[in-house]
Amino acid sequence: MKYVYVLQHSHILKDCDETKFIGVFSSEKKEKKAKKKPGFKYYKRYFFIDKYPINKMYWKEGFIENLGIEVPPFVVK
């Protein structure tokens, strides 16, 4: 296997973008079964599939922890 296929479903529901990570599949044929599940089959045009090569790093930069920066807590009123 050289690639995996990542399947997601995204649509707007009452002014809110709702995205579901459906799964990772070894072929495009296998992901088609997931599209037939209840609910999803009525919104077929909202599926997104991405093909990723295996053993490839996508976030190469690493990250820097911002120590010493305080973020005020989020308060709901």
N, C-alpha and C. Protein backbone atom coordinates (compact mmCIF):
# COMPACT_ATOMS: atom_id res chain seq x y z
N MET A 1 0.85 -1.17 0.00
CA MET A 1 0.00 0.00 0.00
C MET A 1 0.90 1.24 0.00
N LYS A 2 0.67 2.12 -0.96
CA LYS A 2 1.46 3.35 -1.07
C LYS A 2 0.70 4.58 -0.59
N TYR A 3 -0.62 4.48 -0.59
CA TYR A 3 -1.46 5.63 -0.24
C TYR A 3 -2.56 5.23 0.72
N VAL A 4 -3.09 6.22 1.44
CA VAL A 4 -4.32 6.05 2.21
C VAL A 4 -5.27 7.14 1.76
N TYR A 5 -6.55 6.90 1.96
CA TYR A 5 -7.60 7.83 1.55
C TYR A 5 -8.36 8.28 2.79
N VAL A 6 -8.36 9.57 3.05
CA VAL A 6 -9.01 10.14 4.21
C VAL A 6 -10.36 10.70 3.77
N LEU A 7 -11.42 10.21 4.38
CA LEU A 7 -12.78 10.61 4.01
C LEU A 7 -13.39 11.47 5.10
N GLN A 8 -13.92 12.63 4.69
CA GLN A 8 -14.61 13.53 5.61
C GLN A 8 -15.93 13.96 4.98
N HIS A 9 -16.85 14.35 5.84
CA HIS A 9 -18.14 14.84 5.39
C HIS A 9 -18.36 16.19 6.05
N SER A 10 -18.67 17.20 5.26
CA SER A 10 -18.83 18.55 5.80
C SER A 10 -20.02 19.23 5.16
N HIS A 11 -20.87 19.83 6.00
CA HIS A 11 -21.98 20.62 5.49
C HIS A 11 -22.39 21.65 6.53
N ILE A 12 -23.17 22.64 6.11
CA ILE A 12 -23.62 23.68 7.02
C ILE A 12 -24.97 23.28 7.59
N LEU A 13 -25.05 23.31 8.92
CA LEU A 13 -26.26 22.93 9.62
C LEU A 13 -26.63 24.07 10.56
N LYS A 14 -27.70 24.79 10.22
CA LYS A 14 -28.16 25.93 11.03
C LYS A 14 -27.04 26.94 11.27
N ASP A 15 -26.46 27.45 10.22
CA ASP A 15 -25.40 28.46 10.27
C ASP A 15 -24.13 27.98 10.96
N CYS A 16 -23.91 26.69 11.04
CA CYS A 16 -22.70 26.14 11.66
C CYS A 16 -22.10 25.09 10.73
N ASP A 17 -20.82 25.23 10.45
CA ASP A 17 -20.13 24.26 9.61
C ASP A 17 -19.86 23.00 10.44
N GLU A 18 -20.38 21.89 10.00
CA GLU A 18 -20.23 20.63 10.72
C GLU A 18 -19.40 19.66 9.88
N THR A 19 -18.24 19.27 10.38
CA THR A 19 -17.37 18.35 9.66
C THR A 19 -17.16 17.09 10.49
N LYS A 20 -17.31 15.96 9.83
CA LYS A 20 -17.11 14.66 10.48
C LYS A 20 -15.95 13.94 9.81
N PHE A 21 -15.00 13.49 10.61
CA PHE A 21 -13.91 12.66 10.12
C PHE A 21 -14.45 11.24 10.05
N ILE A 22 -14.65 10.72 8.85
CA ILE A 22 -15.29 9.41 8.68
C ILE A 22 -14.29 8.28 8.88
N GLY A 23 -13.13 8.39 8.23
CA GLY A 23 -12.15 7.33 8.40
C GLY A 23 -11.01 7.41 7.40
N VAL A 24 -10.10 6.46 7.56
CA VAL A 24 -8.94 6.32 6.68
C VAL A 24 -9.05 4.96 6.01
N PHE A 25 -8.93 4.94 4.70
CA PHE A 25 -9.16 3.72 3.93
C PHE A 25 -7.96 3.39 3.05
N SER A 26 -7.81 2.12 2.74
CA SER A 26 -6.70 1.67 1.91
C SER A 26 -6.98 1.79 0.42
N SER A 27 -8.24 2.04 0.06
CA SER A 27 -8.57 2.23 -1.36
C SER A 27 -9.82 3.10 -1.47
N GLU A 28 -9.99 3.68 -2.64
CA GLU A 28 -11.19 4.50 -2.88
C GLU A 28 -12.45 3.64 -2.89
N LYS A 29 -12.32 2.38 -3.28
CA LYS A 29 -13.48 1.48 -3.31
C LYS A 29 -14.03 1.24 -1.91
N LYS A 30 -13.15 1.10 -0.92
CA LYS A 30 -13.60 0.82 0.44
C LYS A 30 -14.29 2.00 1.08
N GLU A 31 -13.89 3.21 0.73
CA GLU A 31 -14.53 4.39 1.33
C GLU A 31 -15.94 4.59 0.79
N LYS A 32 -16.27 4.02 -0.34
CA LYS A 32 -17.61 4.19 -0.92
C LYS A 32 -18.69 3.56 -0.05
N LYS A 33 -18.35 2.52 0.70
CA LYS A 33 -19.33 1.88 1.59
C LYS A 33 -19.78 2.85 2.69
N ALA A 34 -18.85 3.65 3.18
CA ALA A 34 -19.18 4.60 4.25
C ALA A 34 -20.17 5.65 3.77
N LYS A 35 -20.14 5.98 2.51
CA LYS A 35 -21.04 7.00 1.95
C LYS A 35 -22.49 6.55 1.93
N LYS A 36 -22.74 5.27 2.10
CA LYS A 36 -24.10 4.74 2.04
C LYS A 36 -24.76 4.65 3.41
N LYS A 37 -24.08 5.05 4.47
CA LYS A 37 -24.61 4.98 5.83
C LYS A 37 -25.77 5.96 6.00
N PRO A 38 -26.68 5.69 6.96
CA PRO A 38 -27.81 6.59 7.19
C PRO A 38 -27.37 8.04 7.39
N GLY A 39 -28.12 8.93 6.82
CA GLY A 39 -27.81 10.36 6.92
C GLY A 39 -26.87 10.82 5.84
N PHE A 40 -25.72 10.16 5.73
CA PHE A 40 -24.73 10.56 4.74
C PHE A 40 -25.24 10.39 3.31
N LYS A 41 -26.00 9.34 3.08
CA LYS A 41 -26.45 9.05 1.71
C LYS A 41 -27.35 10.15 1.14
N TYR A 42 -27.92 10.98 2.02
CA TYR A 42 -28.78 12.07 1.55
C TYR A 42 -27.99 13.35 1.25
N TYR A 43 -26.74 13.38 1.63
CA TYR A 43 -25.90 14.57 1.42
C TYR A 43 -24.60 14.15 0.74
N LYS A 44 -24.71 13.48 -0.38
CA LYS A 44 -23.56 12.90 -1.07
C LYS A 44 -22.56 13.93 -1.59
N ARG A 45 -23.01 15.11 -1.93
CA ARG A 45 -22.09 16.08 -2.51
C ARG A 45 -21.19 16.75 -1.48
N TYR A 46 -21.36 16.43 -0.22
CA TYR A 46 -20.58 17.06 0.85
C TYR A 46 -19.42 16.18 1.33
N PHE A 47 -19.11 15.12 0.60
CA PHE A 47 -17.98 14.27 0.96
C PHE A 47 -16.69 14.83 0.35
N PHE A 48 -15.63 14.69 1.11
CA PHE A 48 -14.32 15.11 0.64
C PHE A 48 -13.35 13.97 0.93
N ILE A 49 -12.61 13.58 -0.10
CA ILE A 49 -11.62 12.52 0.08
C ILE A 49 -10.26 13.04 -0.37
N ASP A 50 -9.27 12.79 0.46
CA ASP A 50 -7.92 13.22 0.17
C ASP A 50 -7.02 12.00 0.12
N LYS A 51 -6.12 11.99 -0.83
CA LYS A 51 -5.18 10.88 -1.02
C LYS A 51 -3.84 11.31 -0.44
N TYR A 52 -3.32 10.50 0.49
CA TYR A 52 -2.04 10.81 1.14
C TYR A 52 -1.06 9.67 0.94
N PRO A 53 0.18 9.98 0.53
CA PRO A 53 1.20 8.94 0.48
C PRO A 53 1.60 8.54 1.90
N ILE A 54 1.89 7.27 2.09
CA ILE A 54 2.29 6.77 3.40
C ILE A 54 3.75 7.13 3.65
N ASN A 55 4.08 7.32 4.92
CA ASN A 55 5.45 7.62 5.37
C ASN A 55 5.97 8.96 4.88
N LYS A 56 5.09 9.93 4.76
CA LYS A 56 5.49 11.27 4.39
C LYS A 56 5.06 12.22 5.51
N MET A 57 5.98 13.06 5.94
CA MET A 57 5.69 14.02 7.00
C MET A 57 5.15 15.30 6.36
N TYR A 58 4.04 15.82 6.90
CA TYR A 58 3.43 17.01 6.35
C TYR A 58 3.69 18.25 7.20
N TRP A 59 3.93 18.09 8.49
CA TRP A 59 4.23 19.23 9.35
C TRP A 59 5.71 19.13 9.69
N LYS A 60 6.54 19.75 8.87
CA LYS A 60 7.98 19.60 8.99
C LYS A 60 8.64 20.62 9.90
N GLU A 61 7.95 21.72 10.18
CA GLU A 61 8.57 22.82 10.91
C GLU A 61 8.68 22.57 12.41
N GLY A 62 7.93 21.65 12.96
CA GLY A 62 7.88 21.49 14.40
C GLY A 62 7.01 22.59 14.98
N PHE A 63 7.22 22.93 16.27
CA PHE A 63 6.47 24.04 16.84
C PHE A 63 7.28 24.67 17.96
N ILE A 64 6.93 25.87 18.29
CA ILE A 64 7.60 26.61 19.35
C ILE A 64 6.57 26.87 20.44
N GLU A 65 6.90 26.46 21.65
CA GLU A 65 6.00 26.69 22.78
C GLU A 65 6.22 28.11 23.27
N ASN A 66 5.16 28.88 23.35
CA ASN A 66 5.24 30.27 23.77
C ASN A 66 5.16 30.36 25.29
N LEU A 67 6.26 30.12 25.95
CA LEU A 67 6.30 30.19 27.40
C LEU A 67 6.32 31.65 27.84
N GLY A 68 5.63 31.94 28.92
CA GLY A 68 5.64 33.29 29.45
C GLY A 68 4.55 34.18 28.90
N ILE A 69 3.77 33.70 27.95
CA ILE A 69 2.66 34.49 27.43
C ILE A 69 1.39 34.00 28.10
N GLU A 70 0.77 34.88 28.83
CA GLU A 70 -0.46 34.50 29.51
C GLU A 70 -1.67 34.85 28.66
N VAL A 71 -2.58 33.93 28.58
CA VAL A 71 -3.83 34.13 27.84
C VAL A 71 -4.93 34.20 28.88
N PRO A 72 -5.70 35.30 28.90
CA PRO A 72 -6.76 35.40 29.89
C PRO A 72 -7.81 34.31 29.67
N PRO A 73 -8.39 33.80 30.75
CA PRO A 73 -9.40 32.75 30.60
C PRO A 73 -10.64 33.29 29.88
N PHE A 74 -11.27 32.42 29.15
CA PHE A 74 -12.48 32.75 28.43
C PHE A 74 -13.65 32.70 29.41
N VAL A 75 -14.36 33.78 29.53
CA VAL A 75 -15.47 33.85 30.49
C VAL A 75 -16.78 34.00 29.72
N VAL A 76 -17.73 33.13 30.03
CA VAL A 76 -19.05 33.18 29.39
C VAL A 76 -19.97 33.96 30.33
N LYS A 77 -20.60 34.99 29.80
CA LYS A 77 -21.52 35.79 30.63
C LYS A 77 -22.95 35.48 30.29
